[in-house]
Amino acid sequence: METLNLKPHVAILASPGMGHLIPLLELAKRLISLHGFSVLFFVQTTYSSVAQSQLLFSLPDSPGLNIVELPPADVSDIPSHADADTRIGLVMRRSMPALETSLSNYGSAGPVTALIVDMFGTDAFDIALKFGLPKYLFCTSSAAFLAYLLYLPSLHQQTEGEFCDLGGPIMIPGCAPIQIKDLNDAVKDRKSEGYRWFLHHVCRYKEADGILVNTWEELDWKSLRALREEDAFKQIPTPPVYPIGPLIKEVQTSLRGVECLLWLEKQPPESVLFVSFGSGGSLSSAQVKELAWGLEQSQQRFLWVVRRPNDFTPSASFFSSGGNEDEGNLAEYLPVGFLDRTLGVGLVVPCWAPQVEILAHSSTGGFLTHCGWNSTLESLVHCVPMIAWPLYAEQRMNAPMLVDLRVAVRPILGAGDGVVGRKEIERVARLVMEGAEGNEMKAKTRQLRDSAIRTSTVGGSGYNLLCQVASEWKNGT
């Protein structure tokens, strides 16, 4: 922990989950290195995962970054079967007194000029008002998802019954239609507590003084234009939206996961399909076996991060990511003989691998991904075409966007059982790694990578927008 100076401070509040923590940390680093801020970075210790602890422990020393761990909230009354939105909503609300106390204690060390929260931190807006601070929302996903979130209160008022019972797609003004099957889980039961928490937060987005989004113009132009120009968003009213991305984890040198990188060093350029479902994703027992058979039959080189199957929920590891002590013997849930038959062609590792380093490696040629937004941006920045295999949350909305951008192909689910079959897995693996379509996707990722570099460097639109906001915070405007 640093000794705070009289630099202007920005307070950042992260909700549980690596998908929120990683980009917010990258934003903090940018505010420190480019704009001269010190950052009070508040993290939850309730539902914190092994992955979170490892990430925070691995952070390089920074004279401007002060990690503040909020004390654990009492969650003894929250049932174990409660959905993630309910758990996060309750933890965030119960941490507000500790956040207010911490901000009061730090007030004399330097001027706190703004409070930034992610999409589940809107209860902190009340604290910002008490302290007279500008309050900003940080959207950890796409502008397309942000547009959906901002418009959801209107959909709530306009719709009777369940969204899932509507005859056609969900229409967001100026944006691509959202198919019912691609809606995030929180809105599929409007009578649930999870939906009430989700709606509670999105209804408060309009109170923000500004919304920072982890995207950029060329990637998300249609939705960004809608947010700025469509009458429906002006009437909300939508706060100013600042696309300041991509904010992604940087490539680091670490002994953890080095065996994966050593194995990649021995493979030909762009020959390996990286398979990973993120920090919180799990597959069913049947799907793990079909995926194994499909990879084997595709005859493609692969690096597969395997997690113990879960037949109840695809987000089983959301609050426990990063540990591998309970993964057991991989052979228990892979097809008999799979590890022996694919020896030398594939590498199977339990639970975790250094994702950014793998995507940045010259031997990686494709990415079978759950379409989490961090993973999506990392793949694009490192020019890796994708097989879009969403599991939960907004991932199902990201997948069609990536297909429309021609940087991904989406496997077809099996009829009835919802399992992607081995032949389909073989097909999409070959398509991405061998086919002309894969080459076209690779070229498109290069175009987006180049635009990401332009927007993030001096004079780029994303760079300029963050400069603008930082200047407003410093000047108190």
Protein backbone atom coordinates (compact mmCIF):
# COMPACT_ATOMS: atom_id res chain seq x y z
CA MET A 1 0.00 0.00 0.00
CA GLU A 2 1.34 3.38 -0.94
CA THR A 3 1.59 6.56 1.06
CA LEU A 4 -0.97 8.77 -0.65
CA ASN A 5 0.10 12.17 -1.94
CA LEU A 6 -1.84 15.21 -2.98
CA LYS A 7 -2.32 14.15 -6.56
CA PRO A 8 -5.94 14.17 -7.69
CA HIS A 9 -7.55 10.84 -6.85
CA VAL A 10 -10.10 8.76 -8.70
CA ALA A 11 -12.04 6.14 -6.75
CA ILE A 12 -12.94 2.95 -8.62
CA LEU A 13 -15.34 0.31 -7.29
CA ALA A 14 -15.29 -3.19 -8.79
CA SER A 15 -18.00 -5.80 -8.31
CA PRO A 16 -17.15 -9.52 -7.96
CA GLY A 17 -15.92 -11.28 -11.07
CA MET A 18 -12.73 -11.27 -13.12
CA GLY A 19 -14.58 -9.85 -16.10
CA HIS A 20 -15.10 -6.62 -14.14
CA LEU A 21 -11.83 -6.54 -12.24
CA ILE A 22 -9.43 -6.87 -15.18
CA PRO A 23 -10.60 -3.96 -17.38
CA LEU A 24 -11.09 -1.67 -14.38
CA LEU A 25 -7.50 -2.33 -13.33
CA GLU A 26 -6.35 -1.50 -16.84
CA LEU A 27 -8.34 1.74 -16.68
CA ALA A 28 -6.67 2.54 -13.36
CA LYS A 29 -3.22 1.95 -14.85
CA ARG A 30 -4.00 4.26 -17.74
CA LEU A 31 -5.28 7.03 -15.48
CA ILE A 32 -2.08 6.77 -13.42
CA SER A 33 0.44 6.52 -16.24
CA LEU A 34 -1.06 8.94 -18.75
CA HIS A 35 -3.09 11.40 -16.70
CA GLY A 36 -1.29 11.81 -13.38
CA PHE A 37 -3.99 10.47 -11.08
CA SER A 38 -3.71 8.34 -8.00
CA VAL A 39 -6.37 5.64 -7.84
CA LEU A 40 -8.23 4.25 -4.86
CA PHE A 41 -9.25 0.86 -6.18
CA PHE A 42 -11.95 -0.79 -4.06
CA VAL A 43 -12.37 -4.56 -4.40
CA GLN A 44 -14.77 -6.99 -2.81
CA THR A 45 -13.44 -9.70 -0.54
CA THR A 46 -16.86 -11.36 -0.46
CA TYR A 47 -17.06 -14.06 -3.14
CA SER A 48 -13.50 -13.24 -4.15
CA SER A 49 -11.87 -16.03 -6.12
CA VAL A 50 -8.40 -17.53 -6.20
CA ALA A 51 -7.96 -15.87 -9.59
CA GLN A 52 -8.72 -12.46 -8.08
CA SER A 53 -6.20 -12.96 -5.29
CA GLN A 54 -3.54 -14.10 -7.75
CA LEU A 55 -4.18 -11.15 -10.05
CA LEU A 56 -3.96 -8.59 -7.26
CA PHE A 57 -0.85 -10.26 -5.83
CA SER A 58 0.86 -10.20 -9.22
CA LEU A 59 0.33 -6.48 -9.82
CA PRO A 60 3.62 -4.62 -10.24
CA ASP A 61 4.36 -1.93 -7.69
CA SER A 62 2.78 1.36 -8.69
CA PRO A 63 3.15 4.59 -6.72
CA GLY A 64 -0.32 5.66 -7.85
CA LEU A 65 -2.39 2.53 -7.22
CA ASN A 66 -3.86 1.86 -3.81
CA ILE A 67 -5.85 -1.39 -3.56
CA VAL A 68 -8.49 -1.14 -0.84
CA GLU A 69 -10.12 -4.43 0.14
CA LEU A 70 -13.61 -3.88 1.48
CA PRO A 71 -14.41 -6.04 4.53
CA PRO A 72 -16.47 -9.18 3.87
CA ALA A 73 -20.20 -8.64 3.79
CA ASP A 74 -22.53 -10.91 5.72
CA VAL A 75 -23.93 -13.35 3.15
CA SER A 76 -25.13 -16.00 5.62
CA ASP A 77 -28.76 -15.36 4.65
CA ILE A 78 -28.17 -15.74 0.89
CA PRO A 79 -29.10 -19.28 -0.21
CA SER A 80 -26.47 -21.25 -2.06
CA HIS A 81 -28.78 -21.62 -5.06
CA ALA A 82 -29.22 -17.84 -5.48
CA ASP A 83 -28.32 -16.61 -8.97
CA ALA A 84 -25.23 -14.51 -9.63
CA ASP A 85 -27.14 -11.26 -10.16
CA THR A 86 -28.81 -11.59 -6.75
CA ARG A 87 -25.56 -12.43 -5.00
CA ILE A 88 -23.69 -9.56 -6.60
CA GLY A 89 -26.52 -7.12 -5.95
CA LEU A 90 -26.71 -7.95 -2.26
CA VAL A 91 -22.94 -7.92 -1.75
CA MET A 92 -22.56 -4.58 -3.47
CA ARG A 93 -25.37 -2.98 -1.45
CA ARG A 94 -24.05 -4.35 1.85
CA SER A 95 -20.59 -2.97 1.10
CA MET A 96 -21.81 0.62 0.77
CA PRO A 97 -21.24 1.61 4.44
CA ALA A 98 -17.64 0.36 4.24
CA LEU A 99 -17.11 2.24 0.98
CA GLU A 100 -18.44 5.46 2.48
CA THR A 101 -16.21 5.09 5.55
CA SER A 102 -13.15 4.42 3.40
CA LEU A 103 -13.78 7.45 1.21
CA SER A 104 -14.17 9.60 4.32
CA ASN A 105 -10.87 8.34 5.71
CA TYR A 106 -9.00 9.04 2.49
CA GLY A 107 -10.51 12.47 1.96
CA SER A 108 -7.74 14.30 3.81
CA ALA A 109 -4.93 12.62 1.85
CA GLY A 110 -5.81 14.20 -1.47
CA PRO A 111 -8.78 15.41 -3.48
CA VAL A 112 -11.03 12.59 -4.70
CA THR A 113 -12.26 13.98 -7.99
CA ALA A 114 -14.57 11.24 -9.33
CA LEU A 115 -16.12 7.88 -8.55
CA ILE A 116 -16.21 5.15 -11.21
CA VAL A 117 -18.34 2.03 -10.75
CA ASP A 118 -19.07 -0.91 -13.00
CA MET A 119 -22.50 -2.08 -14.09
CA PHE A 120 -23.45 -3.51 -10.67
CA GLY A 121 -22.17 -0.63 -8.55
CA THR A 122 -24.92 1.94 -8.99
CA ASP A 123 -25.84 1.98 -5.28
CA ALA A 124 -22.59 3.92 -4.84
CA PHE A 125 -24.12 6.82 -6.76
CA ASP A 126 -25.79 7.86 -3.49
CA ILE A 127 -22.38 8.04 -1.81
CA ALA A 128 -21.00 10.10 -4.69
CA LEU A 129 -23.83 12.58 -4.20
CA LYS A 130 -23.00 12.85 -0.48
CA PHE A 131 -19.38 13.68 -1.29
CA GLY A 132 -20.23 15.91 -4.23
CA LEU A 133 -18.32 13.66 -6.66
CA PRO A 134 -18.97 13.16 -10.37
CA LYS A 135 -20.25 9.60 -10.79
CA TYR A 136 -19.28 7.59 -13.83
CA LEU A 137 -20.35 4.17 -15.03
CA PHE A 138 -17.81 1.85 -16.64
CA CYS A 139 -19.38 -0.62 -19.06
CA THR A 140 -17.20 -3.72 -19.18
CA SER A 141 -18.95 -4.99 -22.32
CA SER A 142 -19.85 -3.67 -25.76
CA ALA A 143 -21.76 -0.55 -26.75
CA ALA A 144 -24.39 -2.90 -28.18
CA PHE A 145 -24.92 -4.43 -24.74
CA LEU A 146 -24.92 -0.97 -23.14
CA ALA A 147 -27.67 0.15 -25.52
CA TYR A 148 -29.73 -2.89 -24.54
CA LEU A 149 -29.20 -2.16 -20.83
CA LEU A 150 -30.18 1.49 -21.16
CA TYR A 151 -33.30 0.57 -23.12
CA LEU A 152 -34.33 -2.30 -20.84
CA PRO A 153 -36.42 -0.10 -18.47
CA SER A 154 -38.45 0.99 -21.53
CA LEU A 155 -38.86 -2.63 -22.61
CA HIS A 156 -39.95 -3.44 -19.07
CA GLN A 157 -42.71 -0.84 -19.27
CA GLN A 158 -43.79 -1.80 -22.78
CA THR A 159 -43.93 -5.57 -22.32
CA GLU A 160 -46.48 -7.72 -20.54
CA GLY A 161 -45.48 -11.22 -19.52
CA GLU A 162 -42.09 -12.70 -20.27
CA PHE A 163 -39.71 -11.45 -22.93
CA CYS A 164 -39.13 -15.07 -23.88
CA ASP A 165 -42.78 -15.37 -24.93
CA LEU A 166 -42.57 -12.58 -27.51
CA GLY A 167 -43.03 -13.74 -31.07
CA GLY A 168 -40.01 -12.01 -32.55
CA PRO A 169 -36.63 -10.54 -31.68
CA ILE A 170 -36.06 -7.74 -29.18
CA MET A 171 -35.74 -4.46 -31.06
CA ILE A 172 -33.38 -1.80 -29.69
CA PRO A 173 -33.62 1.51 -31.62
CA GLY A 174 -30.81 1.83 -34.12
CA CYS A 175 -29.16 -1.45 -33.09
CA ALA A 176 -29.09 -5.00 -34.37
CA PRO A 177 -32.11 -7.10 -33.29
CA ILE A 178 -31.55 -9.45 -30.35
CA GLN A 179 -32.88 -12.96 -30.79
CA ILE A 180 -34.85 -14.27 -27.82
CA LYS A 181 -32.46 -17.21 -27.43
CA ASP A 182 -29.58 -14.76 -27.01
CA LEU A 183 -31.04 -12.78 -24.10
CA ASN A 184 -28.98 -12.77 -20.93
CA ASP A 185 -30.19 -15.10 -18.18
CA ALA A 186 -31.20 -12.33 -15.77
CA VAL A 187 -34.15 -11.23 -17.91
CA LYS A 188 -35.57 -14.66 -18.70
CA ASP A 189 -37.70 -14.75 -15.56
CA ARG A 190 -39.14 -11.33 -14.78
CA LYS A 191 -40.57 -12.59 -11.50
CA SER A 192 -37.16 -13.61 -10.16
CA GLU A 193 -35.07 -11.72 -7.63
CA GLY A 194 -32.17 -11.73 -10.08
CA TYR A 195 -34.26 -9.80 -12.61
CA ARG A 196 -35.28 -7.26 -9.97
CA TRP A 197 -31.64 -6.64 -9.08
CA PHE A 198 -30.65 -6.38 -12.73
CA LEU A 199 -33.46 -3.92 -13.45
CA HIS A 200 -32.59 -1.94 -10.33
CA HIS A 201 -29.12 -1.22 -11.63
CA VAL A 202 -29.95 -0.47 -15.27
CA CYS A 203 -32.68 1.95 -14.18
CA ARG A 204 -29.97 4.03 -12.48
CA TYR A 205 -27.59 4.24 -15.43
CA LYS A 206 -29.19 7.49 -16.58
CA GLU A 207 -28.06 9.09 -13.28
CA ALA A 208 -24.40 8.78 -14.27
CA ASP A 209 -22.55 11.92 -15.32
CA GLY A 210 -20.92 9.89 -18.05
CA ILE A 211 -20.48 6.30 -19.26
CA LEU A 212 -17.08 4.91 -20.17
CA VAL A 213 -17.26 1.88 -22.49
CA ASN A 214 -14.57 -0.71 -23.15
CA THR A 215 -14.91 -0.55 -26.94
CA TRP A 216 -13.96 1.66 -29.85
CA GLU A 217 -15.65 3.35 -32.78
CA GLU A 218 -14.71 0.98 -35.60
CA LEU A 219 -15.73 -2.09 -33.62
CA ASP A 220 -19.06 -0.83 -32.27
CA TRP A 221 -19.98 2.05 -34.60
CA LYS A 222 -23.63 1.14 -35.14
CA SER A 223 -24.57 1.00 -31.46
CA LEU A 224 -22.47 4.04 -30.58
CA ARG A 225 -24.27 6.02 -33.27
CA ALA A 226 -27.63 4.85 -31.91
CA LEU A 227 -26.71 5.91 -28.38
CA ARG A 228 -25.83 9.39 -29.65
CA GLU A 229 -28.52 9.97 -32.28
CA GLU A 230 -31.65 7.90 -31.65
CA ASP A 231 -34.53 9.83 -30.06
CA ALA A 232 -35.29 6.90 -27.72
CA PHE A 233 -31.88 7.28 -26.05
CA LYS A 234 -32.11 11.06 -25.92
CA GLN A 235 -35.42 10.72 -24.05
CA ILE A 236 -34.01 8.39 -21.37
CA PRO A 237 -31.85 10.65 -21.17
CA THR A 238 -28.61 8.86 -21.93
CA PRO A 239 -25.48 10.37 -20.31
CA PRO A 240 -22.49 11.16 -22.54
CA VAL A 241 -20.90 7.91 -23.76
CA TYR A 242 -17.11 7.65 -24.09
CA PRO A 243 -15.68 4.63 -25.99
CA ILE A 244 -12.19 4.50 -24.48
CA GLY A 245 -11.22 0.88 -25.24
CA PRO A 246 -9.77 -1.52 -25.80
CA LEU A 247 -8.59 -1.91 -22.21
CA ILE A 248 -7.09 -5.39 -21.99
CA LYS A 249 -4.61 -7.18 -19.81
CA GLU A 250 -1.04 -6.78 -21.01
CA VAL A 251 1.29 -9.65 -21.87
CA GLN A 252 3.39 -10.46 -18.81
CA THR A 253 6.37 -12.65 -18.03
CA SER A 254 5.54 -15.14 -15.28
CA LEU A 255 6.55 -18.61 -14.22
CA ARG A 256 2.88 -19.52 -13.82
CA GLY A 257 1.68 -21.30 -16.95
CA VAL A 258 5.14 -21.42 -18.50
CA GLU A 259 4.63 -25.06 -19.57
CA CYS A 260 1.88 -23.95 -21.96
CA LEU A 261 4.14 -21.39 -23.56
CA LEU A 262 7.04 -23.83 -23.83
CA TRP A 263 4.71 -26.26 -25.61
CA LEU A 264 3.56 -23.50 -27.99
CA GLU A 265 7.16 -22.72 -28.84
CA LYS A 266 7.42 -26.18 -30.44
CA GLN A 267 4.37 -25.75 -32.70
CA PRO A 268 4.26 -24.28 -36.23
CA PRO A 269 3.04 -20.69 -36.69
CA GLU A 270 -0.74 -20.19 -36.39
CA SER A 271 -1.32 -23.93 -36.06
CA VAL A 272 -2.88 -24.18 -32.58
CA LEU A 273 -6.54 -23.80 -31.67
CA PHE A 274 -6.78 -22.37 -28.15
CA VAL A 275 -9.86 -23.66 -26.29
CA SER A 276 -10.98 -21.88 -23.14
CA PHE A 277 -14.32 -20.88 -21.61
CA GLY A 278 -13.06 -18.09 -19.39
CA SER A 279 -12.68 -17.75 -15.68
CA GLY A 280 -16.22 -18.79 -14.82
CA GLY A 281 -17.48 -21.08 -17.58
CA SER A 282 -18.24 -24.79 -17.26
CA LEU A 283 -19.53 -27.42 -19.69
CA SER A 284 -21.76 -30.40 -19.03
CA SER A 285 -20.31 -33.90 -18.87
CA ALA A 286 -21.80 -34.78 -22.25
CA GLN A 287 -20.46 -31.59 -23.83
CA VAL A 288 -16.93 -32.12 -22.53
CA LYS A 289 -16.85 -35.53 -24.15
CA GLU A 290 -18.25 -34.28 -27.46
CA LEU A 291 -15.75 -31.43 -27.49
CA ALA A 292 -12.91 -33.88 -26.92
CA TRP A 293 -14.08 -36.12 -29.76
CA GLY A 294 -14.53 -33.13 -32.06
CA LEU A 295 -11.06 -31.79 -31.37
CA GLU A 296 -9.52 -35.20 -31.93
CA GLN A 297 -11.42 -35.78 -35.18
CA SER A 298 -10.54 -32.33 -36.51
CA GLN A 299 -6.85 -33.33 -36.48
CA GLN A 300 -5.96 -29.78 -35.47
CA ARG A 301 -3.37 -28.92 -32.87
CA PHE A 302 -5.05 -27.60 -29.76
CA LEU A 303 -4.40 -26.23 -26.30
CA TRP A 304 -7.47 -26.90 -24.15
CA VAL A 305 -8.10 -25.45 -20.68
CA VAL A 306 -10.37 -28.07 -19.10
CA ARG A 307 -12.53 -27.55 -16.04
CA ARG A 308 -14.47 -30.22 -14.15
CA PRO A 309 -17.89 -30.59 -15.84
CA ASN A 310 -21.02 -29.20 -14.23
CA ASP A 311 -24.40 -30.51 -15.37
CA PHE A 312 -26.44 -27.81 -13.60
CA THR A 313 -25.11 -24.39 -14.58
CA PRO A 314 -22.61 -23.08 -17.16
CA SER A 315 -21.45 -20.36 -14.74
CA ALA A 316 -20.49 -22.79 -11.97
CA SER A 317 -16.98 -21.35 -11.55
CA PHE A 318 -17.91 -17.65 -11.61
CA PHE A 319 -17.18 -17.15 -7.90
CA SER A 320 -14.41 -19.73 -7.61
CA SER A 321 -12.21 -19.26 -10.67
CA GLY A 322 -8.49 -19.78 -10.59
CA GLY A 323 -8.08 -22.80 -8.35
CA ASN A 324 -7.36 -26.28 -9.66
CA GLU A 325 -7.19 -28.25 -6.46
CA ASP A 326 -10.58 -29.89 -7.10
CA GLU A 327 -10.13 -30.68 -10.79
CA GLY A 328 -9.23 -34.28 -10.03
CA ASN A 329 -7.96 -36.68 -12.68
CA LEU A 330 -8.68 -35.25 -16.13
CA ALA A 331 -9.09 -38.75 -17.52
CA GLU A 332 -12.19 -39.17 -15.32
CA TYR A 333 -14.30 -36.92 -17.55
CA LEU A 334 -12.53 -37.15 -20.92
CA PRO A 335 -13.12 -40.02 -23.37
CA VAL A 336 -11.14 -43.16 -22.63
CA GLY A 337 -7.72 -42.94 -24.27
CA PHE A 338 -8.18 -39.33 -25.42
CA LEU A 339 -5.07 -38.01 -23.68
CA ASP A 340 -2.92 -40.79 -25.10
CA ARG A 341 -4.30 -40.52 -28.65
CA THR A 342 -3.79 -36.74 -28.80
CA LEU A 343 -0.38 -36.71 -27.12
CA GLY A 344 1.90 -34.37 -29.04
CA VAL A 345 -0.97 -32.89 -31.06
CA GLY A 346 -2.86 -31.38 -28.16
CA LEU A 347 -2.11 -30.09 -24.69
CA VAL A 348 -4.77 -30.33 -21.99
CA VAL A 349 -4.29 -28.24 -18.86
CA PRO A 350 -6.59 -28.10 -15.82
CA CYS A 351 -8.62 -24.99 -15.04
CA TRP A 352 -6.27 -22.14 -15.94
CA ALA A 353 -3.73 -20.99 -18.52
CA PRO A 354 -2.10 -17.60 -19.28
CA GLN A 355 -4.69 -16.53 -21.83
CA VAL A 356 -3.25 -13.23 -23.06
CA GLU A 357 0.20 -14.75 -23.49
CA ILE A 358 -1.28 -17.68 -25.44
CA LEU A 359 -3.36 -15.42 -27.71
CA ALA A 360 -0.31 -13.25 -28.35
CA HIS A 361 1.85 -16.25 -29.28
CA SER A 362 2.72 -16.72 -32.94
CA SER A 363 1.71 -20.41 -32.85
CA THR A 364 -1.91 -19.61 -31.93
CA GLY A 365 -4.18 -19.54 -34.97
CA GLY A 366 -7.71 -19.74 -33.54
CA PHE A 367 -9.66 -19.32 -30.33
CA LEU A 368 -12.68 -21.38 -29.25
CA THR A 369 -14.13 -18.95 -26.73
CA HIS A 370 -17.14 -18.31 -24.50
CA CYS A 371 -17.31 -14.77 -25.95
CA GLY A 372 -16.74 -12.93 -22.70
CA TRP A 373 -15.95 -9.33 -23.66
CA ASN A 374 -12.42 -9.37 -22.21
CA SER A 375 -11.60 -12.53 -24.14
CA THR A 376 -13.18 -11.08 -27.27
CA LEU A 377 -11.06 -7.92 -27.12
CA GLU A 378 -7.89 -9.89 -26.34
CA SER A 379 -8.52 -12.10 -29.35
CA LEU A 380 -9.13 -9.17 -31.68
CA VAL A 381 -6.11 -7.20 -30.48
CA HIS A 382 -3.91 -10.25 -31.09
CA CYS A 383 -5.50 -11.05 -34.49
CA VAL A 384 -6.95 -14.45 -33.58
CA PRO A 385 -10.22 -15.50 -35.31
CA MET A 386 -12.81 -17.12 -33.08
CA ILE A 387 -15.23 -19.98 -32.69
CA ALA A 388 -18.02 -18.25 -30.75
CA TRP A 389 -19.40 -20.59 -28.07
CA PRO A 390 -21.31 -18.45 -25.53
CA LEU A 391 -22.39 -19.87 -22.18
CA TYR A 392 -24.11 -17.24 -19.99
CA ALA A 393 -24.57 -13.51 -19.23
CA GLU A 394 -24.16 -11.22 -22.24
CA GLN A 395 -21.96 -13.74 -24.06
CA ARG A 396 -24.90 -14.89 -26.20
CA MET A 397 -25.33 -11.29 -27.39
CA ASN A 398 -21.64 -10.94 -28.18
CA ALA A 399 -21.58 -14.05 -30.36
CA PRO A 400 -23.86 -12.82 -33.19
CA MET A 401 -22.06 -9.49 -33.19
CA LEU A 402 -18.74 -11.28 -33.79
CA VAL A 403 -20.27 -13.37 -36.57
CA ASP A 404 -21.68 -10.22 -38.20
CA LEU A 405 -18.21 -8.64 -37.99
CA ARG A 406 -16.85 -11.72 -39.82
CA VAL A 407 -14.29 -12.49 -37.12
CA ALA A 408 -16.04 -15.61 -35.76
CA VAL A 409 -18.11 -18.62 -36.65
CA ARG A 410 -20.79 -19.96 -34.29
CA PRO A 411 -21.34 -23.72 -33.90
CA ILE A 412 -24.83 -25.08 -34.38
CA LEU A 413 -26.38 -26.65 -31.29
CA GLY A 414 -27.72 -30.16 -31.54
CA ALA A 415 -31.49 -30.43 -31.79
CA GLY A 416 -33.18 -31.12 -28.47
CA ASP A 417 -30.25 -31.67 -26.13
CA GLY A 418 -28.47 -28.34 -26.66
CA VAL A 419 -25.12 -30.11 -27.06
CA VAL A 420 -22.75 -29.18 -29.87
CA GLY A 421 -21.92 -32.48 -31.56
CA ARG A 422 -18.45 -33.75 -32.44
CA LYS A 423 -19.00 -33.43 -36.19
CA GLU A 424 -20.00 -29.79 -35.81
CA ILE A 425 -16.96 -29.14 -33.62
CA GLU A 426 -14.75 -30.79 -36.22
CA ARG A 427 -16.35 -28.62 -38.92
CA VAL A 428 -15.83 -25.26 -37.23
CA ALA A 429 -12.31 -26.17 -36.07
CA ARG A 430 -11.29 -27.00 -39.63
CA LEU A 431 -13.06 -23.92 -40.98
CA VAL A 432 -11.18 -21.53 -38.70
CA MET A 433 -7.81 -23.25 -38.88
CA GLU A 434 -7.71 -24.41 -42.51
CA GLY A 435 -10.41 -22.88 -44.68
CA ALA A 436 -10.66 -19.75 -46.81
CA GLU A 437 -13.26 -18.44 -44.36
CA GLY A 438 -10.70 -18.68 -41.59
CA ASN A 439 -8.25 -16.64 -43.66
CA GLU A 440 -10.92 -14.00 -44.27
CA MET A 441 -11.64 -13.81 -40.53
CA LYS A 442 -7.93 -13.45 -39.86
CA ALA A 443 -7.75 -10.52 -42.28
CA LYS A 444 -10.73 -8.86 -40.61
CA THR A 445 -9.15 -9.23 -37.16
CA ARG A 446 -6.05 -7.47 -38.52
CA GLN A 447 -8.17 -4.54 -39.66
CA LEU A 448 -9.80 -4.25 -36.24
CA ARG A 449 -6.43 -4.65 -34.49
CA ASP A 450 -5.05 -1.78 -36.53
CA SER A 451 -8.03 0.42 -35.68
CA ALA A 452 -7.62 -0.49 -31.98
CA ILE A 453 -4.02 0.69 -32.10
CA ARG A 454 -5.03 3.94 -33.81
CA THR A 455 -7.76 4.76 -31.30
CA SER A 456 -5.51 4.10 -28.28
CA THR A 457 -2.47 6.11 -29.34
CA VAL A 458 -1.92 9.86 -29.07
CA GLY A 459 -4.45 11.64 -31.26
CA GLY A 460 -6.75 8.63 -31.52
CA SER A 461 -10.44 9.01 -30.67
CA GLY A 462 -10.35 6.79 -27.58
CA TYR A 463 -7.19 8.44 -26.31
CA ASN A 464 -8.67 11.89 -26.80
CA LEU A 465 -11.93 11.01 -25.08
CA LEU A 466 -10.18 9.75 -21.95
CA CYS A 467 -8.03 12.91 -21.99
CA GLN A 468 -11.21 14.96 -22.13
CA VAL A 469 -12.82 13.19 -19.18
CA ALA A 470 -9.61 13.26 -17.12
CA SER A 471 -9.31 17.00 -17.71
CA GLU A 472 -12.90 17.54 -16.56
CA TRP A 473 -12.22 15.60 -13.35
CA LYS A 474 -9.10 17.62 -12.62
CA ASN A 475 -10.86 20.92 -13.28
CA GLY A 476 -13.99 19.98 -11.37
CA THR A 477 -16.27 20.48 -14.36
